[in-house]
Amino acid sequence: MSSFVHPTAIVEPGAKIGEDVKIWHFSHVRNGSTIGPRVSVAKDVYVDANVSIGEGSRIQNSVNIYNGVEISRWVFVGPAVVFTNDQHPRIGRKSWEVVPTVLEDCCSIGAGAIIRCGVRIGAFAMVGAGAIVTKDIPPFCLVTGVPADLSHRICACGDKTMPLISWVDNAIQPCCEKNLEPHILKRAQEVILQTNMKSVANG
């Protein structure tokens, strides 16, 4: 299936666009960016050079994704989310460093959240609307507030919250088996296994 680019959108030569991608009104995709298959890029989105967006992700209206941001597979980025890529912005500096930000598989970012560069948002984590994220978020955790802080552990489908002390094994609940597509449920199982193995390795 071919991709769709709205006539008002700008996709620069050299951008890599996967199969069945949808790029909507007034969006701008820069040379050197990569958009994986089945990604939806909504109205007024800016995708900077060198940005990668993984398979099946959904970018909602009015999101600016700057160089240094890596979005993995099946990630939801809500409307008007703000990303940054410079920890010390100042006009007149002779040079500056792009500071990377990573969004792992299946995480979700609520509307209007601000993501400070240099953080890693874990798989299946969820950022509440309007939160300001300044530090890493573990997998299957919900953060809210200004600045964002850990609130609960959250299940793979996002319907159920649990105390933070809950074992990560509890992240797949009956609602997840009902609500999630099989490939997403399988990925959740893989992340739980990887998280447990990392915990054992770290003692």
C-alpha atoms as a PDB file:
ATOM      1  CA  MET A   1       0.000   0.000   0.000  1.00  0.00           C
ATOM      2  CA  SER A   2       1.405   3.407  -0.948  1.00  0.00           C
ATOM      3  CA  SER A   3       1.764   6.329   1.432  1.00  0.00           C
ATOM      4  CA  PHE A   4      -0.399   9.458   1.502  1.00  0.00           C
ATOM      5  CA  VAL A   5       1.014  12.982   1.604  1.00  0.00           C
ATOM      6  CA  HIS A   6      -1.485  15.845   1.737  1.00  0.00           C
ATOM      7  CA  PRO A   7      -0.899  18.488  -0.981  1.00  0.00           C
ATOM      8  CA  THR A   8      -0.148  21.157   1.642  1.00  0.00           C
ATOM      9  CA  ALA A   9       2.537  19.060   3.361  1.00  0.00           C
ATOM     10  CA  ILE A  10       6.249  19.422   2.563  1.00  0.00           C
ATOM     11  CA  VAL A  11       8.356  16.277   2.356  1.00  0.00           C
ATOM     12  CA  GLU A  12      11.907  17.196   1.411  1.00  0.00           C
ATOM     13  CA  PRO A  13      13.948  15.038  -0.986  1.00  0.00           C
ATOM     14  CA  GLY A  14      16.053  12.618   1.029  1.00  0.00           C
ATOM     15  CA  ALA A  15      13.416  11.915   3.681  1.00  0.00           C
ATOM     16  CA  LYS A  16      12.778   8.177   3.993  1.00  0.00           C
ATOM     17  CA  ILE A  17       9.072   7.382   4.091  1.00  0.00           C
ATOM     18  CA  GLY A  18       7.818   3.841   4.762  1.00  0.00           C
ATOM     19  CA  GLU A  19       4.778   2.059   3.411  1.00  0.00           C
ATOM     20  CA  ASP A  20       1.255   3.171   4.358  1.00  0.00           C
ATOM     21  CA  VAL A  21       2.431   6.392   6.020  1.00  0.00           C
ATOM     22  CA  LYS A  22      -0.040   9.288   6.271  1.00  0.00           C
ATOM     23  CA  ILE A  23       1.265  12.862   6.377  1.00  0.00           C
ATOM     24  CA  TRP A  24      -1.474  15.428   6.846  1.00  0.00           C
ATOM     25  CA  HIS A  25      -2.095  19.161   6.284  1.00  0.00           C
ATOM     26  CA  PHE A  26       0.783  21.660   6.564  1.00  0.00           C
ATOM     27  CA  SER A  27       3.289  19.202   8.031  1.00  0.00           C
ATOM     28  CA  HIS A  28       6.994  19.473   7.186  1.00  0.00           C
ATOM     29  CA  VAL A  29       9.316  16.457   6.995  1.00  0.00           C
ATOM     30  CA  ARG A  30      13.007  17.296   6.610  1.00  0.00           C
ATOM     31  CA  ASN A  31      15.729  15.708   4.519  1.00  0.00           C
ATOM     32  CA  GLY A  32      17.506  12.931   6.439  1.00  0.00           C
ATOM     33  CA  SER A  33      14.548  11.959   8.605  1.00  0.00           C
ATOM     34  CA  THR A  34      13.115   8.445   8.630  1.00  0.00           C
ATOM     35  CA  ILE A  35       9.427   7.624   9.068  1.00  0.00           C
ATOM     36  CA  GLY A  36       8.632   3.939   9.430  1.00  0.00           C
ATOM     37  CA  PRO A  37       5.693   2.026   7.977  1.00  0.00           C
ATOM     38  CA  ARG A  38       2.129   2.769   9.087  1.00  0.00           C
ATOM     39  CA  VAL A  39       3.038   5.993  10.883  1.00  0.00           C
ATOM     40  CA  SER A  40       0.457   8.782  11.068  1.00  0.00           C
ATOM     41  CA  VAL A  41       1.765  12.352  11.058  1.00  0.00           C
ATOM     42  CA  ALA A  42      -1.095  14.720  11.809  1.00  0.00           C
ATOM     43  CA  LYS A  43      -1.686  18.393  10.949  1.00  0.00           C
ATOM     44  CA  ASP A  44       1.035  21.007  11.550  1.00  0.00           C
ATOM     45  CA  VAL A  45       3.781  18.564  12.573  1.00  0.00           C
ATOM     46  CA  TYR A  46       7.471  19.361  12.080  1.00  0.00           C
ATOM     47  CA  VAL A  47       9.894  16.427  11.696  1.00  0.00           C
ATOM     48  CA  ASP A  48      13.478  17.669  11.777  1.00  0.00           C
ATOM     49  CA  ALA A  49      16.523  16.248   9.985  1.00  0.00           C
ATOM     50  CA  ASN A  50      17.876  12.977  11.448  1.00  0.00           C
ATOM     51  CA  VAL A  51      14.699  12.264  13.425  1.00  0.00           C
ATOM     52  CA  SER A  52      13.478   8.665  13.287  1.00  0.00           C
ATOM     53  CA  ILE A  53       9.881   7.605  13.941  1.00  0.00           C
ATOM     54  CA  GLY A  54       9.261   3.887  14.298  1.00  0.00           C
ATOM     55  CA  GLU A  55       6.633   1.646  12.798  1.00  0.00           C
ATOM     56  CA  GLY A  56       3.007   2.249  13.709  1.00  0.00           C
ATOM     57  CA  SER A  57       3.581   5.404  15.755  1.00  0.00           C
ATOM     58  CA  ARG A  58       1.045   8.226  15.813  1.00  0.00           C
ATOM     59  CA  ILE A  59       2.042  11.882  16.012  1.00  0.00           C
ATOM     60  CA  GLN A  60      -0.886  14.188  16.764  1.00  0.00           C
ATOM     61  CA  ASN A  61      -1.439  17.826  15.722  1.00  0.00           C
ATOM     62  CA  SER A  62       1.098  20.614  16.267  1.00  0.00           C
ATOM     63  CA  VAL A  63       4.084  18.580  17.479  1.00  0.00           C
ATOM     64  CA  ASN A  64       7.649  19.727  16.714  1.00  0.00           C
ATOM     65  CA  ILE A  65      10.138  16.842  16.716  1.00  0.00           C
ATOM     66  CA  TYR A  66      13.689  18.161  16.641  1.00  0.00           C
ATOM     67  CA  ASN A  67      16.999  16.622  15.616  1.00  0.00           C
ATOM     68  CA  GLY A  68      18.107  14.222  18.345  1.00  0.00           C
ATOM     69  CA  VAL A  69      14.686  12.751  19.115  1.00  0.00           C
ATOM     70  CA  GLU A  70      14.308   9.021  18.461  1.00  0.00           C
ATOM     71  CA  ILE A  71      10.759   7.661  18.517  1.00  0.00           C
ATOM     72  CA  SER A  72      10.507   3.881  18.580  1.00  0.00           C
ATOM     73  CA  ARG A  73       7.637   1.651  17.422  1.00  0.00           C
ATOM     74  CA  TRP A  74       3.945   2.078  18.269  1.00  0.00           C
ATOM     75  CA  VAL A  75       4.468   5.298  20.222  1.00  0.00           C
ATOM     76  CA  PHE A  76       1.661   7.817  20.795  1.00  0.00           C
ATOM     77  CA  VAL A  77       2.612  11.502  20.899  1.00  0.00           C
ATOM     78  CA  GLY A  78      -0.347  13.688  21.850  1.00  0.00           C
ATOM     79  CA  PRO A  79      -1.269  17.128  20.504  1.00  0.00           C
ATOM     80  CA  ALA A  80       1.103  20.045  21.094  1.00  0.00           C
ATOM     81  CA  VAL A  81       3.799  17.980  22.820  1.00  0.00           C
ATOM     82  CA  VAL A  82       7.079  19.920  23.019  1.00  0.00           C
ATOM     83  CA  PHE A  83      10.510  18.344  22.533  1.00  0.00           C
ATOM     84  CA  THR A  84      13.863  20.097  23.008  1.00  0.00           C
ATOM     85  CA  ASN A  85      17.399  19.226  21.933  1.00  0.00           C
ATOM     86  CA  ASP A  86      19.682  21.796  23.575  1.00  0.00           C
ATOM     87  CA  GLN A  87      20.304  21.868  27.331  1.00  0.00           C
ATOM     88  CA  HIS A  88      22.001  25.282  27.262  1.00  0.00           C
ATOM     89  CA  PRO A  89      20.246  27.385  24.603  1.00  0.00           C
ATOM     90  CA  ARG A  90      21.741  30.814  24.128  1.00  0.00           C
ATOM     91  CA  ILE A  91      21.868  33.165  21.149  1.00  0.00           C
ATOM     92  CA  GLY A  92      25.470  33.934  20.205  1.00  0.00           C
ATOM     93  CA  ARG A  93      27.047  30.624  21.212  1.00  0.00           C
ATOM     94  CA  LYS A  94      29.633  29.533  18.657  1.00  0.00           C
ATOM     95  CA  SER A  95      28.615  25.888  18.893  1.00  0.00           C
ATOM     96  CA  TRP A  96      26.126  23.638  20.632  1.00  0.00           C
ATOM     97  CA  GLU A  97      25.534  19.947  21.151  1.00  0.00           C
ATOM     98  CA  VAL A  98      22.422  18.032  20.148  1.00  0.00           C
ATOM     99  CA  VAL A  99      21.301  16.133  23.258  1.00  0.00           C
ATOM    100  CA  PRO A 100      19.367  12.946  22.327  1.00  0.00           C
ATOM    101  CA  THR A 101      15.974  11.912  23.649  1.00  0.00           C
ATOM    102  CA  VAL A 102      14.631   8.356  23.282  1.00  0.00           C
ATOM    103  CA  LEU A 103      11.016   7.200  23.382  1.00  0.00           C
ATOM    104  CA  GLU A 104      10.914   3.415  23.699  1.00  0.00           C
ATOM    105  CA  ASP A 105       8.325   1.074  22.161  1.00  0.00           C
ATOM    106  CA  CYS A 106       4.652   1.640  22.981  1.00  0.00           C
ATOM    107  CA  CYS A 107       5.066   4.591  25.345  1.00  0.00           C
ATOM    108  CA  SER A 108       2.462   7.369  25.290  1.00  0.00           C
ATOM    109  CA  ILE A 109       2.906  11.130  25.762  1.00  0.00           C
ATOM    110  CA  GLY A 110      -0.169  13.121  26.814  1.00  0.00           C
ATOM    111  CA  ALA A 111      -1.274  16.384  25.225  1.00  0.00           C
ATOM    112  CA  GLY A 112       0.799  19.454  25.969  1.00  0.00           C
ATOM    113  CA  ALA A 113       3.599  17.625  27.771  1.00  0.00           C
ATOM    114  CA  ILE A 114       7.129  19.058  27.615  1.00  0.00           C
ATOM    115  CA  ILE A 115      10.003  16.596  27.232  1.00  0.00           C
ATOM    116  CA  ARG A 116      13.411  17.944  28.245  1.00  0.00           C
ATOM    117  CA  CYS A 117      16.198  16.602  26.071  1.00  0.00           C
ATOM    118  CA  GLY A 118      18.481  13.876  27.387  1.00  0.00           C
ATOM    119  CA  VAL A 119      15.761  11.667  28.861  1.00  0.00           C
ATOM    120  CA  ARG A 120      14.690   8.125  28.027  1.00  0.00           C
ATOM    121  CA  ILE A 121      11.004   7.270  28.294  1.00  0.00           C
ATOM    122  CA  GLY A 122      10.630   3.542  28.902  1.00  0.00           C
ATOM    123  CA  ALA A 123       8.518   1.086  26.974  1.00  0.00           C
ATOM    124  CA  PHE A 124       4.797   1.261  27.788  1.00  0.00           C
ATOM    125  CA  ALA A 125       5.369   4.256  30.068  1.00  0.00           C
ATOM    126  CA  MET A 126       2.754   7.009  30.055  1.00  0.00           C
ATOM    127  CA  VAL A 127       3.255  10.766  30.495  1.00  0.00           C
ATOM    128  CA  GLY A 128       0.212  12.652  31.767  1.00  0.00           C
ATOM    129  CA  ALA A 129      -1.142  15.656  29.877  1.00  0.00           C
ATOM    130  CA  GLY A 130       0.733  18.865  30.646  1.00  0.00           C
ATOM    131  CA  ALA A 131       3.572  17.145  32.519  1.00  0.00           C
ATOM    132  CA  ILE A 132       7.134  18.437  32.282  1.00  0.00           C
ATOM    133  CA  VAL A 133       9.532  15.502  31.978  1.00  0.00           C
ATOM    134  CA  THR A 134      13.068  16.186  33.232  1.00  0.00           C
ATOM    135  CA  LYS A 135      14.345  12.669  34.035  1.00  0.00           C
ATOM    136  CA  ASP A 136      14.147   9.099  32.762  1.00  0.00           C
ATOM    137  CA  ILE A 137      10.918   7.125  33.142  1.00  0.00           C
ATOM    138  CA  PRO A 138      11.051   3.350  33.740  1.00  0.00           C
ATOM    139  CA  PRO A 139       8.929   0.971  31.641  1.00  0.00           C
ATOM    140  CA  PHE A 140       5.259   0.573  32.611  1.00  0.00           C
ATOM    141  CA  CYS A 141       5.208   3.698  34.787  1.00  0.00           C
ATOM    142  CA  LEU A 142       2.897   6.726  34.801  1.00  0.00           C
ATOM    143  CA  VAL A 143       4.275  10.193  35.494  1.00  0.00           C
ATOM    144  CA  THR A 144       2.290  13.383  36.108  1.00  0.00           C
ATOM    145  CA  GLY A 145       2.895  16.915  37.287  1.00  0.00           C
ATOM    146  CA  VAL A 146       5.361  19.788  37.047  1.00  0.00           C
ATOM    147  CA  PRO A 147       8.039  18.575  37.179  1.00  0.00           C
ATOM    148  CA  ALA A 148       6.811  15.098  36.290  1.00  0.00           C
ATOM    149  CA  ASP A 149       7.155  12.514  39.014  1.00  0.00           C
ATOM    150  CA  LEU A 150       6.393   8.819  39.229  1.00  0.00           C
ATOM    151  CA  SER A 151       2.747   8.317  40.154  1.00  0.00           C
ATOM    152  CA  HIS A 152       1.825   4.672  39.554  1.00  0.00           C
ATOM    153  CA  ARG A 153       2.793   1.576  37.687  1.00  0.00           C
ATOM    154  CA  ILE A 154       0.511   1.256  34.685  1.00  0.00           C
ATOM    155  CA  CYS A 155      -0.621  -1.801  32.769  1.00  0.00           C
ATOM    156  CA  ALA A 156       0.304  -2.471  29.160  1.00  0.00           C
ATOM    157  CA  CYS A 157      -3.008  -1.243  27.720  1.00  0.00           C
ATOM    158  CA  GLY A 158      -3.144   1.813  30.006  1.00  0.00           C
ATOM    159  CA  ASP A 159      -6.493   1.019  31.626  1.00  0.00           C
ATOM    160  CA  LYS A 160      -5.279   0.007  35.080  1.00  0.00           C
ATOM    161  CA  THR A 161      -2.926   1.735  37.508  1.00  0.00           C
ATOM    162  CA  MET A 162      -1.196  -0.038  40.386  1.00  0.00           C
ATOM    163  CA  PRO A 163       1.084   1.028  43.247  1.00  0.00           C
ATOM    164  CA  LEU A 164       4.658   1.768  42.207  1.00  0.00           C
ATOM    165  CA  ILE A 165       5.885  -1.114  44.356  1.00  0.00           C
ATOM    166  CA  SER A 166       3.957  -3.587  42.174  1.00  0.00           C
ATOM    167  CA  TRP A 167       6.065  -6.153  40.351  1.00  0.00           C
ATOM    168  CA  VAL A 168       6.557  -5.422  36.669  1.00  0.00           C
ATOM    169  CA  ASP A 169       5.109  -8.906  36.015  1.00  0.00           C
ATOM    170  CA  ASN A 170       1.719  -7.407  36.946  1.00  0.00           C
ATOM    171  CA  ALA A 171       1.869  -5.027  33.987  1.00  0.00           C
ATOM    172  CA  ILE A 172      -0.175  -7.439  31.879  1.00  0.00           C
ATOM    173  CA  GLN A 173      -3.698  -7.519  33.277  1.00  0.00           C
ATOM    174  CA  PRO A 174      -6.873  -9.182  31.915  1.00  0.00           C
ATOM    175  CA  CYS A 175      -7.808  -5.835  30.331  1.00  0.00           C
ATOM    176  CA  CYS A 176      -4.550  -5.915  28.349  1.00  0.00           C
ATOM    177  CA  GLU A 177      -5.306  -9.324  26.889  1.00  0.00           C
ATOM    178  CA  LYS A 178      -8.718  -8.004  25.873  1.00  0.00           C
ATOM    179  CA  ASN A 179      -7.665  -4.576  24.578  1.00  0.00           C
ATOM    180  CA  LEU A 180      -4.287  -5.030  22.915  1.00  0.00           C
ATOM    181  CA  GLU A 181      -3.490  -6.272  19.446  1.00  0.00           C
ATOM    182  CA  PRO A 182      -1.444  -9.497  19.570  1.00  0.00           C
ATOM    183  CA  HIS A 183       1.844  -7.942  18.425  1.00  0.00           C
ATOM    184  CA  ILE A 184       1.615  -5.226  21.095  1.00  0.00           C
ATOM    185  CA  LEU A 185       0.792  -7.770  23.799  1.00  0.00           C
ATOM    186  CA  LYS A 186       3.769  -9.861  22.678  1.00  0.00           C
ATOM    187  CA  ARG A 187       6.020  -6.799  22.902  1.00  0.00           C
ATOM    188  CA  ALA A 188       4.779  -6.129  26.450  1.00  0.00           C
ATOM    189  CA  GLN A 189       5.688  -9.683  27.428  1.00  0.00           C
ATOM    190  CA  GLU A 190       9.169  -9.208  25.937  1.00  0.00           C
ATOM    191  CA  VAL A 191       9.695  -5.940  27.821  1.00  0.00           C
ATOM    192  CA  ILE A 192       8.674  -7.562  31.113  1.00  0.00           C
ATOM    193  CA  LEU A 193      11.197 -10.364  30.526  1.00  0.00           C
ATOM    194  CA  GLN A 194      13.948  -7.900  29.598  1.00  0.00           C
ATOM    195  CA  THR A 195      13.195  -5.735  32.645  1.00  0.00           C
ATOM    196  CA  ASN A 196      13.368  -8.721  34.972  1.00  0.00           C
ATOM    197  CA  MET A 197      16.632  -9.904  33.440  1.00  0.00           C
ATOM    198  CA  LYS A 198      18.146  -6.425  33.857  1.00  0.00           C
ATOM    199  CA  SER A 199      17.044  -6.346  37.501  1.00  0.00           C
ATOM    200  CA  VAL A 200      18.745  -9.703  38.146  1.00  0.00           C
ATOM    201  CA  ALA A 201      21.916  -8.555  36.390  1.00  0.00           C
ATOM    202  CA  ASN A 202      22.008  -5.384  38.500  1.00  0.00           C
ATOM    203  CA  GLY A 203      21.630  -7.422  41.692  1.00  0.00           C
END
